[in-house]
């Protein structure tokens, strides 16, 4: 089974929802065990699986985690690596809430790993006027959603939220 077949099986419900969720949680959380992306390996992801996958599923997960390792290598420098971790965490949250489709997330990871997609980059002080030290992309997402609670029609907020979603792989088709 290749990765696309795994995605299709997950979407059809042929892979237990808990297994899909755990796999994607590993995808977004395993990089946090490292300070940079230089040493992370596919085995680090596979060791975190709750059960031994079938040979076919292991092949697909190996392909997925290969992309994750390539992504980590591409953004191995500590500041970029932190931003990559932040994006993966936001993507997991967006997937869990049904905003980011599984196939769009995986396509984003593949594109980012290959160099055709860049990590979102923001000057938060310029955008927000000022931002606390350590303010990151997920914080920006939370801030935008907080502002929408008070002003659900705010064009500035909606524009920035839409752009952020687009930059992390949301296609609007979820």
C-alpha atoms as a PDB file:
ATOM      1  CA  UNK A   1       0.000   0.000   0.000  1.00  0.00           C
ATOM      2  CA  UNK A   2       1.427   3.357  -0.925  1.00  0.00           C
ATOM      3  CA  UNK A   3       0.692   6.613   0.853  1.00  0.00           C
ATOM      4  CA  UNK A   4      -2.112   7.631  -1.500  1.00  0.00           C
ATOM      5  CA  UNK A   5      -3.804   4.265  -0.967  1.00  0.00           C
ATOM      6  CA  UNK A   6      -3.479   4.757   2.809  1.00  0.00           C
ATOM      7  CA  UNK A   7      -5.072   8.210   2.527  1.00  0.00           C
ATOM      8  CA  UNK A   8      -7.899   6.781   0.420  1.00  0.00           C
ATOM      9  CA  UNK A   9      -8.422   3.921   2.895  1.00  0.00           C
ATOM     10  CA  UNK A  10      -8.457   6.392   5.798  1.00  0.00           C
ATOM     11  CA  UNK A  11     -11.026   8.569   4.017  1.00  0.00           C
ATOM     12  CA  UNK A  12     -13.221   5.519   3.355  1.00  0.00           C
ATOM     13  CA  UNK A  13     -13.031   4.582   7.043  1.00  0.00           C
ATOM     14  CA  UNK A  14     -11.084   1.382   6.366  1.00  0.00           C
ATOM     15  CA  UNK A  15      -8.408   2.484   8.828  1.00  0.00           C
ATOM     16  CA  UNK A  16      -9.626   3.070  12.354  1.00  0.00           C
ATOM     17  CA  UNK A  17     -10.125   6.762  13.084  1.00  0.00           C
ATOM     18  CA  UNK A  18      -8.041   6.431  16.264  1.00  0.00           C
ATOM     19  CA  UNK A  19      -5.153   4.983  14.231  1.00  0.00           C
ATOM     20  CA  UNK A  20      -5.318   7.815  11.703  1.00  0.00           C
ATOM     21  CA  UNK A  21      -5.479  10.373  14.504  1.00  0.00           C
ATOM     22  CA  UNK A  22      -2.520   8.833  16.321  1.00  0.00           C
ATOM     23  CA  UNK A  23      -0.468   8.675  13.120  1.00  0.00           C
ATOM     24  CA  UNK A  24      -1.130  12.349  12.416  1.00  0.00           C
ATOM     25  CA  UNK A  25      -0.433  13.241  16.036  1.00  0.00           C
ATOM     26  CA  UNK A  26       2.963  11.518  15.657  1.00  0.00           C
ATOM     27  CA  UNK A  27       3.521  13.443  12.439  1.00  0.00           C
ATOM     28  CA  UNK A  28       3.017  16.738  14.237  1.00  0.00           C
ATOM     29  CA  UNK A  29       4.590  15.914  17.608  1.00  0.00           C
ATOM     30  CA  UNK A  30       7.623  13.711  16.976  1.00  0.00           C
ATOM     31  CA  UNK A  31       9.737  16.651  15.720  1.00  0.00           C
ATOM     32  CA  UNK A  32       9.311  18.266  19.143  1.00  0.00           C
ATOM     33  CA  UNK A  33      11.639  15.615  20.559  1.00  0.00           C
ATOM     34  CA  UNK A  34      14.540  17.196  18.662  1.00  0.00           C
ATOM     35  CA  UNK A  35      16.200  20.619  18.730  1.00  0.00           C
ATOM     36  CA  UNK A  36      16.790  20.537  14.988  1.00  0.00           C
ATOM     37  CA  UNK A  37      15.848  18.377  12.053  1.00  0.00           C
ATOM     38  CA  UNK A  38      19.272  16.916  11.459  1.00  0.00           C
ATOM     39  CA  UNK A  39      18.910  13.646  13.370  1.00  0.00           C
ATOM     40  CA  UNK A  40      15.232  12.727  13.260  1.00  0.00           C
ATOM     41  CA  UNK A  41      14.569   9.466  11.379  1.00  0.00           C
ATOM     42  CA  UNK A  42      11.609   7.462  10.099  1.00  0.00           C
ATOM     43  CA  UNK A  43      12.199   4.972  12.915  1.00  0.00           C
ATOM     44  CA  UNK A  44      11.556   7.730  15.469  1.00  0.00           C
ATOM     45  CA  UNK A  45       8.025   8.073  14.116  1.00  0.00           C
ATOM     46  CA  UNK A  46       7.444   4.325  13.732  1.00  0.00           C
ATOM     47  CA  UNK A  47       8.526   3.685  17.349  1.00  0.00           C
ATOM     48  CA  UNK A  48       5.684   5.944  18.480  1.00  0.00           C
ATOM     49  CA  UNK A  49       2.956   3.859  16.859  1.00  0.00           C
ATOM     50  CA  UNK A  50       0.558   2.303  19.339  1.00  0.00           C
ATOM     51  CA  UNK A  51       0.323  -0.966  17.399  1.00  0.00           C
ATOM     52  CA  UNK A  52       2.375  -2.835  14.843  1.00  0.00           C
ATOM     53  CA  UNK A  53       0.933  -1.923  11.435  1.00  0.00           C
ATOM     54  CA  UNK A  54       0.406  -4.514   8.735  1.00  0.00           C
ATOM     55  CA  UNK A  55       3.193  -4.766   6.155  1.00  0.00           C
ATOM     56  CA  UNK A  56       1.085  -2.830   3.652  1.00  0.00           C
ATOM     57  CA  UNK A  57       0.268  -0.074   6.120  1.00  0.00           C
ATOM     58  CA  UNK A  58       3.882   0.057   7.329  1.00  0.00           C
ATOM     59  CA  UNK A  59       4.956   0.766   3.736  1.00  0.00           C
ATOM     60  CA  UNK A  60       2.528   3.701   3.509  1.00  0.00           C
ATOM     61  CA  UNK A  61       3.490   5.059   6.921  1.00  0.00           C
ATOM     62  CA  UNK A  62       7.153   4.744   6.008  1.00  0.00           C
ATOM     63  CA  UNK A  63       6.457   6.887   2.946  1.00  0.00           C
ATOM     64  CA  UNK A  64       4.584   9.459   5.052  1.00  0.00           C
ATOM     65  CA  UNK A  65       7.308   9.614   7.675  1.00  0.00           C
ATOM     66  CA  UNK A  66       9.957   9.800   4.926  1.00  0.00           C
ATOM     67  CA  UNK A  67       8.300  13.041   3.816  1.00  0.00           C
ATOM     68  CA  UNK A  68       8.287  14.235   7.431  1.00  0.00           C
ATOM     69  CA  UNK A  69      12.017  13.522   7.755  1.00  0.00           C
ATOM     70  CA  UNK A  70      12.716  15.324   4.456  1.00  0.00           C
ATOM     71  CA  UNK A  71      10.679  18.264   5.760  1.00  0.00           C
ATOM     72  CA  UNK A  72      12.713  18.272   8.975  1.00  0.00           C
ATOM     73  CA  UNK A  73      15.981  18.165   7.026  1.00  0.00           C
ATOM     74  CA  UNK A  74      14.891  21.010   4.768  1.00  0.00           C
ATOM     75  CA  UNK A  75      14.079  23.184   7.779  1.00  0.00           C
ATOM     76  CA  UNK A  76      16.785  21.817  10.103  1.00  0.00           C
ATOM     77  CA  UNK A  77      18.114  25.225  11.171  1.00  0.00           C
ATOM     78  CA  UNK A  78      16.725  25.839  14.706  1.00  0.00           C
ATOM     79  CA  UNK A  79      14.577  28.918  13.984  1.00  0.00           C
ATOM     80  CA  UNK A  80      13.069  27.342  10.873  1.00  0.00           C
ATOM     81  CA  UNK A  81      12.668  24.034  12.699  1.00  0.00           C
ATOM     82  CA  UNK A  82      10.695  25.752  15.470  1.00  0.00           C
ATOM     83  CA  UNK A  83       8.465  27.397  12.863  1.00  0.00           C
ATOM     84  CA  UNK A  84       7.975  24.058  11.086  1.00  0.00           C
ATOM     85  CA  UNK A  85       6.949  22.427  14.382  1.00  0.00           C
ATOM     86  CA  UNK A  86       4.506  25.259  15.005  1.00  0.00           C
ATOM     87  CA  UNK A  87       2.971  24.853  11.549  1.00  0.00           C
ATOM     88  CA  UNK A  88       2.624  21.078  11.982  1.00  0.00           C
ATOM     89  CA  UNK A  89       0.925  21.605  15.327  1.00  0.00           C
ATOM     90  CA  UNK A  90      -1.505  24.108  13.808  1.00  0.00           C
ATOM     91  CA  UNK A  91      -2.152  21.748  10.912  1.00  0.00           C
ATOM     92  CA  UNK A  92      -2.992  18.916  13.314  1.00  0.00           C
ATOM     93  CA  UNK A  93      -5.456  21.188  15.131  1.00  0.00           C
ATOM     94  CA  UNK A  94      -7.012  22.312  11.853  1.00  0.00           C
ATOM     95  CA  UNK A  95      -7.291  18.705  10.668  1.00  0.00           C
ATOM     96  CA  UNK A  96      -8.867  17.634  13.983  1.00  0.00           C
ATOM     97  CA  UNK A  97     -11.477  20.407  13.633  1.00  0.00           C
ATOM     98  CA  UNK A  98     -12.274  19.436  10.052  1.00  0.00           C
ATOM     99  CA  UNK A  99     -10.789  22.591   8.521  1.00  0.00           C
ATOM    100  CA  UNK A 100      -7.775  20.936   6.840  1.00  0.00           C
ATOM    101  CA  UNK A 101      -8.434  17.844   4.757  1.00  0.00           C
ATOM    102  CA  UNK A 102      -6.095  14.884   5.220  1.00  0.00           C
ATOM    103  CA  UNK A 103      -5.134  14.763   1.552  1.00  0.00           C
ATOM    104  CA  UNK A 104      -4.418  18.514   1.514  1.00  0.00           C
ATOM    105  CA  UNK A 105      -2.232  18.247   4.605  1.00  0.00           C
ATOM    106  CA  UNK A 106      -0.200  15.393   3.148  1.00  0.00           C
ATOM    107  CA  UNK A 107       0.133  17.259  -0.179  1.00  0.00           C
ATOM    108  CA  UNK A 108       1.397  20.297   1.743  1.00  0.00           C
ATOM    109  CA  UNK A 109       3.978  18.179   3.588  1.00  0.00           C
ATOM    110  CA  UNK A 110       5.145  16.583   0.337  1.00  0.00           C
ATOM    111  CA  UNK A 111       5.430  19.977  -1.363  1.00  0.00           C
ATOM    112  CA  UNK A 112       7.219  21.571   1.570  1.00  0.00           C
ATOM    113  CA  UNK A 113       9.614  18.627   1.816  1.00  0.00           C
ATOM    114  CA  UNK A 114      10.417  18.903  -1.906  1.00  0.00           C
ATOM    115  CA  UNK A 115      10.891  22.671  -1.749  1.00  0.00           C
ATOM    116  CA  UNK A 116       7.857  23.732  -3.763  1.00  0.00           C
ATOM    117  CA  UNK A 117       6.057  25.111  -0.696  1.00  0.00           C
ATOM    118  CA  UNK A 118       7.572  27.465   1.858  1.00  0.00           C
ATOM    119  CA  UNK A 119       6.781  27.767   5.539  1.00  0.00           C
ATOM    120  CA  UNK A 120       4.579  30.741   6.329  1.00  0.00           C
ATOM    121  CA  UNK A 121       6.663  33.634   7.593  1.00  0.00           C
ATOM    122  CA  UNK A 122       5.282  36.722   9.304  1.00  0.00           C
ATOM    123  CA  UNK A 123       6.508  39.908  10.908  1.00  0.00           C
ATOM    124  CA  UNK A 124       3.986  39.863  13.749  1.00  0.00           C
ATOM    125  CA  UNK A 125       5.075  43.234  15.126  1.00  0.00           C
ATOM    126  CA  UNK A 126       4.348  44.800  11.751  1.00  0.00           C
ATOM    127  CA  UNK A 127       1.019  43.005  11.309  1.00  0.00           C
ATOM    128  CA  UNK A 128      -0.304  43.379  14.856  1.00  0.00           C
ATOM    129  CA  UNK A 129       1.459  46.528  15.996  1.00  0.00           C
ATOM    130  CA  UNK A 130       3.370  44.512  18.571  1.00  0.00           C
ATOM    131  CA  UNK A 131       3.557  40.895  19.593  1.00  0.00           C
ATOM    132  CA  UNK A 132       4.987  39.207  22.677  1.00  0.00           C
ATOM    133  CA  UNK A 133       8.419  37.646  22.382  1.00  0.00           C
ATOM    134  CA  UNK A 134       8.124  34.098  21.114  1.00  0.00           C
ATOM    135  CA  UNK A 135       4.816  34.797  19.350  1.00  0.00           C
ATOM    136  CA  UNK A 136       4.380  32.165  16.658  1.00  0.00           C
ATOM    137  CA  UNK A 137       2.068  31.152  13.835  1.00  0.00           C
ATOM    138  CA  UNK A 138      -0.309  29.170  16.030  1.00  0.00           C
ATOM    139  CA  UNK A 139      -0.531  32.164  18.384  1.00  0.00           C
ATOM    140  CA  UNK A 140      -1.380  34.328  15.371  1.00  0.00           C
ATOM    141  CA  UNK A 141      -4.098  31.879  14.367  1.00  0.00           C
ATOM    142  CA  UNK A 142      -5.515  31.958  17.892  1.00  0.00           C
ATOM    143  CA  UNK A 143      -5.394  35.767  17.948  1.00  0.00           C
ATOM    144  CA  UNK A 144      -7.246  35.996  14.652  1.00  0.00           C
ATOM    145  CA  UNK A 145      -9.945  33.620  15.876  1.00  0.00           C
ATOM    146  CA  UNK A 146     -10.228  35.554  19.135  1.00  0.00           C
ATOM    147  CA  UNK A 147     -10.757  38.771  17.180  1.00  0.00           C
ATOM    148  CA  UNK A 148     -13.426  37.076  15.063  1.00  0.00           C
ATOM    149  CA  UNK A 149     -15.423  36.329  18.212  1.00  0.00           C
ATOM    150  CA  UNK A 150     -15.821  40.089  18.761  1.00  0.00           C
ATOM    151  CA  UNK A 151     -16.155  41.069  15.110  1.00  0.00           C
ATOM    152  CA  UNK A 152     -17.166  38.103  12.916  1.00  0.00           C
ATOM    153  CA  UNK A 153     -17.303  40.274   9.770  1.00  0.00           C
ATOM    154  CA  UNK A 154     -13.907  41.980  10.222  1.00  0.00           C
ATOM    155  CA  UNK A 155     -12.433  41.943   6.718  1.00  0.00           C
ATOM    156  CA  UNK A 156      -8.865  42.461   7.948  1.00  0.00           C
ATOM    157  CA  UNK A 157      -9.092  39.428  10.241  1.00  0.00           C
ATOM    158  CA  UNK A 158     -10.892  37.282   7.669  1.00  0.00           C
ATOM    159  CA  UNK A 159      -8.296  38.177   5.056  1.00  0.00           C
ATOM    160  CA  UNK A 160      -5.346  37.273   7.305  1.00  0.00           C
ATOM    161  CA  UNK A 161      -7.033  34.091   8.511  1.00  0.00           C
ATOM    162  CA  UNK A 162      -7.821  33.023   4.956  1.00  0.00           C
ATOM    163  CA  UNK A 163      -4.256  33.715   3.857  1.00  0.00           C
ATOM    164  CA  UNK A 164      -2.810  31.815   6.839  1.00  0.00           C
ATOM    165  CA  UNK A 165      -5.075  28.848   6.156  1.00  0.00           C
ATOM    166  CA  UNK A 166      -4.079  28.844   2.488  1.00  0.00           C
ATOM    167  CA  UNK A 167      -0.384  28.928   3.430  1.00  0.00           C
ATOM    168  CA  UNK A 168      -0.728  25.858   5.670  1.00  0.00           C
ATOM    169  CA  UNK A 169      -2.628  23.830   3.067  1.00  0.00           C
ATOM    170  CA  UNK A 170      -6.308  24.542   3.646  1.00  0.00           C
ATOM    171  CA  UNK A 171      -8.030  24.494   0.275  1.00  0.00           C
ATOM    172  CA  UNK A 172     -11.471  25.499   1.508  1.00  0.00           C
ATOM    173  CA  UNK A 173     -12.960  22.152   0.458  1.00  0.00           C
ATOM    174  CA  UNK A 174     -13.160  20.529   3.919  1.00  0.00           C
END
